Amino acid sequence: MKAIISVIGEDRPGIIAKVSSKLFEMNVNIEDISQTIMQNYFTMIMMVDTSKSSADFATISQAMVQLGQEIGMDIKMQNQSIFDAMHRV
């Protein structure tokens, strides 16, 4: 299953490394990534594939929320099909 992960918060070193390491631990593949810094705020959107992970969507999503709390970032994960439906014009 494809999912969209968003990461937002005050910029600091190591954000991409921590998020990608956690996804690697859960065998989640990053398929695309876009990140920028806007006036000291880090923003990143990733498209990931969870199909090879032994963890279910809820477990991965909760791990991302937990990681966000640990590193002081707001991390959210959405199913790609829900994300697409919400942003359809």
PDB file of N, CA and C in Angstrom:
ATOM      1  N   MET A   1       0.845  -1.178   0.000  1.00  0.00           N
ATOM      2  CA  MET A   1       0.000   0.000   0.000  1.00  0.00           C
ATOM      3  C   MET A   1       0.888   1.238   0.000  1.00  0.00           C
ATOM      4  N   LYS A   2       0.464   2.238  -0.717  1.00  0.00           N
ATOM      5  CA  LYS A   2       1.173   3.512  -0.769  1.00  0.00           C
ATOM      6  C   LYS A   2       0.609   4.450   0.284  1.00  0.00           C
ATOM      7  N   ALA A   3       1.496   5.277   0.832  1.00  0.00           N
ATOM      8  CA  ALA A   3       1.079   6.240   1.846  1.00  0.00           C
ATOM      9  C   ALA A   3       1.866   7.525   1.664  1.00  0.00           C
ATOM     10  N   ILE A   4       1.317   8.602   2.208  1.00  0.00           N
ATOM     11  CA  ILE A   4       1.960   9.907   2.198  1.00  0.00           C
ATOM     12  C   ILE A   4       2.316  10.244   3.642  1.00  0.00           C
ATOM     13  N   ILE A   5       3.577  10.618   3.861  1.00  0.00           N
ATOM     14  CA  ILE A   5       4.036  11.022   5.183  1.00  0.00           C
ATOM     15  C   ILE A   5       4.444  12.485   5.108  1.00  0.00           C
ATOM     16  N   SER A   6       3.925  13.295   6.034  1.00  0.00           N
ATOM     17  CA  SER A   6       4.333  14.697   6.105  1.00  0.00           C
ATOM     18  C   SER A   6       5.076  14.927   7.419  1.00  0.00           C
ATOM     19  N   VAL A   7       6.117  15.752   7.334  1.00  0.00           N
ATOM     20  CA  VAL A   7       6.955  16.070   8.488  1.00  0.00           C
ATOM     21  C   VAL A   7       7.115  17.588   8.513  1.00  0.00           C
ATOM     22  N   ILE A   8       6.715  18.215   9.624  1.00  0.00           N
ATOM     23  CA  ILE A   8       6.791  19.670   9.736  1.00  0.00           C
ATOM     24  C   ILE A   8       7.283  20.036  11.130  1.00  0.00           C
ATOM     25  N   GLY A   9       8.176  21.008  11.183  1.00  0.00           N
ATOM     26  CA  GLY A   9       8.653  21.503  12.466  1.00  0.00           C
ATOM     27  C   GLY A   9       9.865  22.379  12.306  1.00  0.00           C
ATOM     28  N   GLU A  10      10.383  22.853  13.424  1.00  0.00           N
ATOM     29  CA  GLU A  10      11.561  23.712  13.403  1.00  0.00           C
ATOM     30  C   GLU A  10      12.755  22.931  12.868  1.00  0.00           C
ATOM     31  N   ASP A  11      13.493  23.556  11.977  1.00  0.00           N
ATOM     32  CA  ASP A  11      14.624  22.888  11.338  1.00  0.00           C
ATOM     33  C   ASP A  11      15.734  22.588  12.342  1.00  0.00           C
ATOM     34  N   ARG A  12      16.339  21.410  12.172  1.00  0.00           N
ATOM     35  CA  ARG A  12      17.507  21.000  12.955  1.00  0.00           C
ATOM     36  C   ARG A  12      18.189  19.878  12.197  1.00  0.00           C
ATOM     37  N   PRO A  13      19.444  19.617  12.463  1.00  0.00           N
ATOM     38  CA  PRO A  13      20.151  18.536  11.774  1.00  0.00           C
ATOM     39  C   PRO A  13      19.560  17.158  12.111  1.00  0.00           C
ATOM     40  N   GLY A  14      19.571  16.269  11.135  1.00  0.00           N
ATOM     41  CA  GLY A  14      19.236  14.864  11.369  1.00  0.00           C
ATOM     42  C   GLY A  14      17.792  14.450  11.176  1.00  0.00           C
ATOM     43  N   ILE A  15      16.927  15.362  10.778  1.00  0.00           N
ATOM     44  CA  ILE A  15      15.501  15.010  10.641  1.00  0.00           C
ATOM     45  C   ILE A  15      15.315  13.924   9.584  1.00  0.00           C
ATOM     46  N   ILE A  16      15.864  14.140   8.393  1.00  0.00           N
ATOM     47  CA  ILE A  16      15.694  13.164   7.315  1.00  0.00           C
ATOM     48  C   ILE A  16      16.302  11.822   7.723  1.00  0.00           C
ATOM     49  N   ALA A  17      17.463  11.865   8.354  1.00  0.00           N
ATOM     50  CA  ALA A  17      18.127  10.625   8.784  1.00  0.00           C
ATOM     51  C   ALA A  17      17.270   9.852   9.774  1.00  0.00           C
ATOM     52  N   LYS A  18      16.673  10.530  10.732  1.00  0.00           N
ATOM     53  CA  LYS A  18      15.866   9.833  11.748  1.00  0.00           C
ATOM     54  C   LYS A  18      14.594   9.249  11.153  1.00  0.00           C
ATOM     55  N   VAL A  19      13.932  10.025  10.298  1.00  0.00           N
ATOM     56  CA  VAL A  19      12.689   9.526   9.687  1.00  0.00           C
ATOM     57  C   VAL A  19      12.994   8.356   8.754  1.00  0.00           C
ATOM     58  N   SER A  20      13.993   8.505   7.901  1.00  0.00           N
ATOM     59  CA  SER A  20      14.302   7.426   6.955  1.00  0.00           C
ATOM     60  C   SER A  20      14.825   6.183   7.674  1.00  0.00           C
ATOM     61  N   SER A  21      15.561   6.352   8.769  1.00  0.00           N
ATOM     62  CA  SER A  21      16.034   5.194   9.548  1.00  0.00           C
ATOM     63  C   SER A  21      14.865   4.418  10.147  1.00  0.00           C
ATOM     64  N   LYS A  22      13.887   5.142  10.685  1.00  0.00           N
ATOM     65  CA  LYS A  22      12.708   4.477  11.269  1.00  0.00           C
ATOM     66  C   LYS A  22      11.939   3.717  10.191  1.00  0.00           C
ATOM     67  N   LEU A  23      11.789   4.320   9.018  1.00  0.00           N
ATOM     68  CA  LEU A  23      11.102   3.631   7.927  1.00  0.00           C
ATOM     69  C   LEU A  23      11.889   2.401   7.486  1.00  0.00           C
ATOM     70  N   PHE A  24      13.206   2.515   7.416  1.00  0.00           N
ATOM     71  CA  PHE A  24      14.064   1.379   7.066  1.00  0.00           C
ATOM     72  C   PHE A  24      13.878   0.236   8.066  1.00  0.00           C
ATOM     73  N   GLU A  25      13.849   0.563   9.356  1.00  0.00           N
ATOM     74  CA  GLU A  25      13.652  -0.454  10.400  1.00  0.00           C
ATOM     75  C   GLU A  25      12.352  -1.220  10.199  1.00  0.00           C
ATOM     76  N   MET A  26      11.347  -0.543   9.654  1.00  0.00           N
ATOM     77  CA  MET A  26      10.033  -1.154   9.468  1.00  0.00           C
ATOM     78  C   MET A  26       9.843  -1.699   8.049  1.00  0.00           C
ATOM     79  N   ASN A  27      10.932  -1.706   7.261  1.00  0.00           N
ATOM     80  CA  ASN A  27      10.918  -2.197   5.879  1.00  0.00           C
ATOM     81  C   ASN A  27       9.900  -1.455   5.010  1.00  0.00           C
ATOM     82  N   VAL A  28       9.872  -0.134   5.174  1.00  0.00           N
ATOM     83  CA  VAL A  28       9.019   0.734   4.369  1.00  0.00           C
ATOM     84  C   VAL A  28       9.922   1.436   3.356  1.00  0.00           C
ATOM     85  N   ASN A  29       9.564   1.360   2.082  1.00  0.00           N
ATOM     86  CA  ASN A  29      10.374   1.935   1.017  1.00  0.00           C
ATOM     87  C   ASN A  29       9.943   3.373   0.719  1.00  0.00           C
ATOM     88  N   ILE A  30      10.914   4.292   0.669  1.00  0.00           N
ATOM     89  CA  ILE A  30      10.644   5.668   0.271  1.00  0.00           C
ATOM     90  C   ILE A  30      10.714   5.720  -1.250  1.00  0.00           C
ATOM     91  N   GLU A  31       9.600   6.087  -1.888  1.00  0.00           N
ATOM     92  CA  GLU A  31       9.547   6.141  -3.347  1.00  0.00           C
ATOM     93  C   GLU A  31       9.781   7.538  -3.894  1.00  0.00           C
ATOM     94  N   ASP A  32       9.410   8.553  -3.139  1.00  0.00           N
ATOM     95  CA  ASP A  32       9.622   9.928  -3.578  1.00  0.00           C
ATOM     96  C   ASP A  32       9.685  10.802  -2.336  1.00  0.00           C
ATOM     97  N   ILE A  33      10.437  11.891  -2.447  1.00  0.00           N
ATOM     98  CA  ILE A  33      10.597  12.770  -1.293  1.00  0.00           C
ATOM     99  C   ILE A  33      10.784  14.202  -1.779  1.00  0.00           C
ATOM    100  N   SER A  34      10.154  15.127  -1.082  1.00  0.00           N
ATOM    101  CA  SER A  34      10.319  16.545  -1.352  1.00  0.00           C
ATOM    102  C   SER A  34      10.477  17.231  -0.009  1.00  0.00           C
ATOM    103  N   GLN A  35      11.501  18.059   0.116  1.00  0.00           N
ATOM    104  CA  GLN A  35      11.684  18.764   1.377  1.00  0.00           C
ATOM    105  C   GLN A  35      12.181  20.163   1.108  1.00  0.00           C
ATOM    106  N   THR A  36      11.842  21.065   2.011  1.00  0.00           N
ATOM    107  CA  THR A  36      12.298  22.447   1.912  1.00  0.00           C
ATOM    108  C   THR A  36      12.341  23.057   3.297  1.00  0.00           C
ATOM    109  N   ILE A  37      13.015  24.168   3.392  1.00  0.00           N
ATOM    110  CA  ILE A  37      13.053  24.923   4.638  1.00  0.00           C
ATOM    111  C   ILE A  37      12.458  26.289   4.343  1.00  0.00           C
ATOM    112  N   MET A  38      11.449  26.652   5.122  1.00  0.00           N
ATOM    113  CA  MET A  38      10.763  27.928   4.948  1.00  0.00           C
ATOM    114  C   MET A  38      10.892  28.715   6.246  1.00  0.00           C
ATOM    115  N   GLN A  39      11.736  29.743   6.238  1.00  0.00           N
ATOM    116  CA  GLN A  39      11.936  30.595   7.412  1.00  0.00           C
ATOM    117  C   GLN A  39      12.162  29.773   8.677  1.00  0.00           C
ATOM    118  N   ASN A  40      13.137  28.906   8.641  1.00  0.00           N
ATOM    119  CA  ASN A  40      13.558  28.054   9.752  1.00  0.00           C
ATOM    120  C   ASN A  40      12.580  26.923  10.075  1.00  0.00           C
ATOM    121  N   TYR A  41      11.561  26.706   9.237  1.00  0.00           N
ATOM    122  CA  TYR A  41      10.667  25.560   9.409  1.00  0.00           C
ATOM    123  C   TYR A  41      10.946  24.537   8.329  1.00  0.00           C
ATOM    124  N   PHE A  42      11.178  23.317   8.763  1.00  0.00           N
ATOM    125  CA  PHE A  42      11.454  22.204   7.879  1.00  0.00           C
ATOM    126  C   PHE A  42      10.127  21.581   7.466  1.00  0.00           C
ATOM    127  N   THR A  43       9.946  21.352   6.174  1.00  0.00           N
ATOM    128  CA  THR A  43       8.753  20.655   5.684  1.00  0.00           C
ATOM    129  C   THR A  43       9.192  19.553   4.722  1.00  0.00           C
ATOM    130  N   MET A  44       8.609  18.392   4.879  1.00  0.00           N
ATOM    131  CA  MET A  44       8.946  17.264   4.010  1.00  0.00           C
ATOM    132  C   MET A  44       7.688  16.451   3.741  1.00  0.00           C
ATOM    133  N   ILE A  45       7.543  16.030   2.507  1.00  0.00           N
ATOM    134  CA  ILE A  45       6.468  15.108   2.123  1.00  0.00           C
ATOM    135  C   ILE A  45       7.128  13.923   1.441  1.00  0.00           C
ATOM    136  N   MET A  46       6.742  12.732   1.851  1.00  0.00           N
ATOM    137  CA  MET A  46       7.301  11.502   1.283  1.00  0.00           C
ATOM    138  C   MET A  46       6.180  10.609   0.791  1.00  0.00           C
ATOM    139  N   MET A  47       6.393   9.966  -0.346  1.00  0.00           N
ATOM    140  CA  MET A  47       5.510   8.896  -0.773  1.00  0.00           C
ATOM    141  C   MET A  47       6.247   7.599  -0.434  1.00  0.00           C
ATOM    142  N   VAL A  48       5.576   6.722   0.288  1.00  0.00           N
ATOM    143  CA  VAL A  48       6.207   5.478   0.711  1.00  0.00           C
ATOM    144  C   VAL A  48       5.357   4.281   0.298  1.00  0.00           C
ATOM    145  N   ASP A  49       6.008   3.140   0.234  1.00  0.00           N
ATOM    146  CA  ASP A  49       5.343   1.870  -0.063  1.00  0.00           C
ATOM    147  C   ASP A  49       5.501   0.975   1.162  1.00  0.00           C
ATOM    148  N   THR A  50       4.386   0.595   1.754  1.00  0.00           N
ATOM    149  CA  THR A  50       4.398  -0.217   2.971  1.00  0.00           C
ATOM    150  C   THR A  50       4.177  -1.700   2.690  1.00  0.00           C
ATOM    151  N   SER A  51       4.070  -2.076   1.424  1.00  0.00           N
ATOM    152  CA  SER A  51       3.650  -3.442   1.080  1.00  0.00           C
ATOM    153  C   SER A  51       4.619  -4.530   1.548  1.00  0.00           C
ATOM    154  N   LYS A  52       5.894  -4.224   1.749  1.00  0.00           N
ATOM    155  CA  LYS A  52       6.851  -5.246   2.182  1.00  0.00           C
ATOM    156  C   LYS A  52       7.086  -5.243   3.691  1.00  0.00           C
ATOM    157  N   SER A  53       6.426  -4.337   4.379  1.00  0.00           N
ATOM    158  CA  SER A  53       6.581  -4.256   5.831  1.00  0.00           C
ATOM    159  C   SER A  53       5.723  -5.314   6.508  1.00  0.00           C
ATOM    160  N   SER A  54       6.248  -5.882   7.582  1.00  0.00           N
ATOM    161  CA  SER A  54       5.440  -6.837   8.353  1.00  0.00           C
ATOM    162  C   SER A  54       4.477  -6.101   9.288  1.00  0.00           C
ATOM    163  N   ALA A  55       4.690  -4.786   9.461  1.00  0.00           N
ATOM    164  CA  ALA A  55       3.808  -3.978  10.301  1.00  0.00           C
ATOM    165  C   ALA A  55       2.629  -3.473   9.473  1.00  0.00           C
ATOM    166  N   ASP A  56       1.469  -3.362  10.105  1.00  0.00           N
ATOM    167  CA  ASP A  56       0.306  -2.834   9.407  1.00  0.00           C
ATOM    168  C   ASP A  56       0.345  -1.300   9.388  1.00  0.00           C
ATOM    169  N   PHE A  57      -0.583  -0.716   8.639  1.00  0.00           N
ATOM    170  CA  PHE A  57      -0.625   0.734   8.463  1.00  0.00           C
ATOM    171  C   PHE A  57      -0.701   1.458   9.803  1.00  0.00           C
ATOM    172  N   ALA A  58      -1.569   1.015  10.684  1.00  0.00           N
ATOM    173  CA  ALA A  58      -1.756   1.683  11.983  1.00  0.00           C
ATOM    174  C   ALA A  58      -0.479   1.659  12.810  1.00  0.00           C
ATOM    175  N   THR A  59       0.243   0.557  12.778  1.00  0.00           N
ATOM    176  CA  THR A  59       1.481   0.428  13.546  1.00  0.00           C
ATOM    177  C   THR A  59       2.552   1.375  12.993  1.00  0.00           C
ATOM    178  N   ILE A  60       2.669   1.428  11.674  1.00  0.00           N
ATOM    179  CA  ILE A  60       3.654   2.323  11.060  1.00  0.00           C
ATOM    180  C   ILE A  60       3.279   3.776  11.357  1.00  0.00           C
ATOM    181  N   SER A  61       2.010   4.098  11.201  1.00  0.00           N
ATOM    182  CA  SER A  61       1.544   5.456  11.455  1.00  0.00           C
ATOM    183  C   SER A  61       1.834   5.866  12.900  1.00  0.00           C
ATOM    184  N   GLN A  62       1.554   4.988  13.834  1.00  0.00           N
ATOM    185  CA  GLN A  62       1.806   5.287  15.250  1.00  0.00           C
ATOM    186  C   GLN A  62       3.303   5.448  15.513  1.00  0.00           C
ATOM    187  N   ALA A  63       4.131   4.653  14.855  1.00  0.00           N
ATOM    188  CA  ALA A  63       5.583   4.774  15.009  1.00  0.00           C
ATOM    189  C   ALA A  63       6.053   6.139  14.511  1.00  0.00           C
ATOM    190  N   MET A  64       5.436   6.635  13.451  1.00  0.00           N
ATOM    191  CA  MET A  64       5.797   7.952  12.927  1.00  0.00           C
ATOM    192  C   MET A  64       5.379   9.059  13.896  1.00  0.00           C
ATOM    193  N   VAL A  65       4.186   8.939  14.470  1.00  0.00           N
ATOM    194  CA  VAL A  65       3.721   9.923  15.459  1.00  0.00           C
ATOM    195  C   VAL A  65       4.668   9.925  16.665  1.00  0.00           C
ATOM    196  N   GLN A  66       5.020   8.731  17.133  1.00  0.00           N
ATOM    197  CA  GLN A  66       5.932   8.601  18.278  1.00  0.00           C
ATOM    198  C   GLN A  66       7.290   9.230  17.967  1.00  0.00           C
ATOM    199  N   LEU A  67       7.824   8.947  16.786  1.00  0.00           N
ATOM    200  CA  LEU A  67       9.094   9.533  16.390  1.00  0.00           C
ATOM    201  C   LEU A  67       8.989  11.057  16.364  1.00  0.00           C
ATOM    202  N   GLY A  68       7.893  11.562  15.825  1.00  0.00           N
ATOM    203  CA  GLY A  68       7.681  13.008  15.792  1.00  0.00           C
ATOM    204  C   GLY A  68       7.732  13.613  17.180  1.00  0.00           C
ATOM    205  N   GLN A  69       7.100  12.954  18.144  1.00  0.00           N
ATOM    206  CA  GLN A  69       7.126  13.442  19.519  1.00  0.00           C
ATOM    207  C   GLN A  69       8.551  13.429  20.075  1.00  0.00           C
ATOM    208  N   GLU A  70       9.298  12.393  19.756  1.00  0.00           N
ATOM    209  CA  GLU A  70      10.672  12.274  20.245  1.00  0.00           C
ATOM    210  C   GLU A  70      11.592  13.359  19.682  1.00  0.00           C
ATOM    211  N   ILE A  71      11.383  13.743  18.428  1.00  0.00           N
ATOM    212  CA  ILE A  71      12.289  14.704  17.791  1.00  0.00           C
ATOM    213  C   ILE A  71      11.678  16.102  17.662  1.00  0.00           C
ATOM    214  N   GLY A  72      10.505  16.306  18.224  1.00  0.00           N
ATOM    215  CA  GLY A  72       9.881  17.623  18.215  1.00  0.00           C
ATOM    216  C   GLY A  72       9.331  18.057  16.869  1.00  0.00           C
ATOM    217  N   MET A  73       8.837  17.098  16.101  1.00  0.00           N
ATOM    218  CA  MET A  73       8.260  17.385  14.785  1.00  0.00           C
ATOM    219  C   MET A  73       6.826  16.863  14.747  1.00  0.00           C
ATOM    220  N   ASP A  74       6.027  17.416  13.844  1.00  0.00           N
ATOM    221  CA  ASP A  74       4.675  16.914  13.603  1.00  0.00           C
ATOM    222  C   ASP A  74       4.754  15.971  12.404  1.00  0.00           C
ATOM    223  N   ILE A  75       4.582  14.671  12.657  1.00  0.00           N
ATOM    224  CA  ILE A  75       4.657  13.674  11.581  1.00  0.00           C
ATOM    225  C   ILE A  75       3.307  12.988  11.465  1.00  0.00           C
ATOM    226  N   LYS A  76       2.772  12.993  10.245  1.00  0.00           N
ATOM    227  CA  LYS A  76       1.475  12.358   9.978  1.00  0.00           C
ATOM    228  C   LYS A  76       1.602  11.441   8.770  1.00  0.00           C
ATOM    229  N   MET A  77       0.841  10.371   8.778  1.00  0.00           N
ATOM    230  CA  MET A  77       0.837   9.425   7.665  1.00  0.00           C
ATOM    231  C   MET A  77      -0.606   9.216   7.220  1.00  0.00           C
ATOM    232  N   GLN A  78      -0.824   9.261   5.901  1.00  0.00           N
ATOM    233  CA  GLN A  78      -2.154   9.036   5.330  1.00  0.00           C
ATOM    234  C   GLN A  78      -2.054   8.021   4.202  1.00  0.00           C
ATOM    235  N   ASN A  79      -3.098   7.227   4.078  1.00  0.00           N
ATOM    236  CA  ASN A  79      -3.204   6.324   2.939  1.00  0.00           C
ATOM    237  C   ASN A  79      -3.237   7.178   1.679  1.00  0.00           C
ATOM    238  N   GLN A  80      -2.484   6.809   0.657  1.00  0.00           N
ATOM    239  CA  GLN A  80      -2.414   7.617  -0.560  1.00  0.00           C
ATOM    240  C   GLN A  80      -3.788   7.806  -1.198  1.00  0.00           C
ATOM    241  N   SER A  81      -4.627   6.780  -1.211  1.00  0.00           N
ATOM    242  CA  SER A  81      -5.936   6.912  -1.858  1.00  0.00           C
ATOM    243  C   SER A  81      -6.811   7.932  -1.128  1.00  0.00           C
ATOM    244  N   ILE A  82      -6.719   8.008   0.192  1.00  0.00           N
ATOM    245  CA  ILE A  82      -7.472   9.012   0.952  1.00  0.00           C
ATOM    246  C   ILE A  82      -6.902  10.396   0.675  1.00  0.00           C
ATOM    247  N   PHE A  83      -5.570  10.494   0.659  1.00  0.00           N
ATOM    248  CA  PHE A  83      -4.907  11.756   0.350  1.00  0.00           C
ATOM    249  C   PHE A  83      -5.329  12.255  -1.029  1.00  0.00           C
ATOM    250  N   ASP A  84      -5.324  11.367  -2.015  1.00  0.00           N
ATOM    251  CA  ASP A  84      -5.719  11.735  -3.382  1.00  0.00           C
ATOM    252  C   ASP A  84      -7.164  12.218  -3.420  1.00  0.00           C
ATOM    253  N   ALA A  85      -8.063  11.505  -2.741  1.00  0.00           N
ATOM    254  CA  ALA A  85      -9.485  11.883  -2.740  1.00  0.00           C
ATOM    255  C   ALA A  85      -9.700  13.244  -2.084  1.00  0.00           C
ATOM    256  N   MET A  86      -8.956  13.533  -1.021  1.00  0.00           N
ATOM    257  CA  MET A  86      -9.112  14.803  -0.314  1.00  0.00           C
ATOM    258  C   MET A  86      -8.609  15.974  -1.158  1.00  0.00           C
ATOM    259  N   HIS A  87      -7.645  15.728  -2.046  1.00  0.00           N
ATOM    260  CA  HIS A  87      -7.031  16.814  -2.802  1.00  0.00           C
ATOM    261  C   HIS A  87      -7.434  16.822  -4.285  1.00  0.00           C
ATOM    262  N   ARG A  88      -8.496  16.107  -4.611  1.00  0.00           N
ATOM    263  CA  ARG A  88      -8.998  16.092  -5.980  1.00  0.00           C
ATOM    264  C   ARG A  88      -9.813  17.351  -6.221  1.00  0.00           C
ATOM    265  N   VAL A  89      -9.598  17.969  -7.352  1.00  0.00           N
ATOM    266  CA  VAL A  89     -10.323  19.213  -7.672  1.00  0.00           C
ATOM    267  C   VAL A  89     -11.560  18.903  -8.475  1.00  0.00           C
TER     268      VAL A  89
END
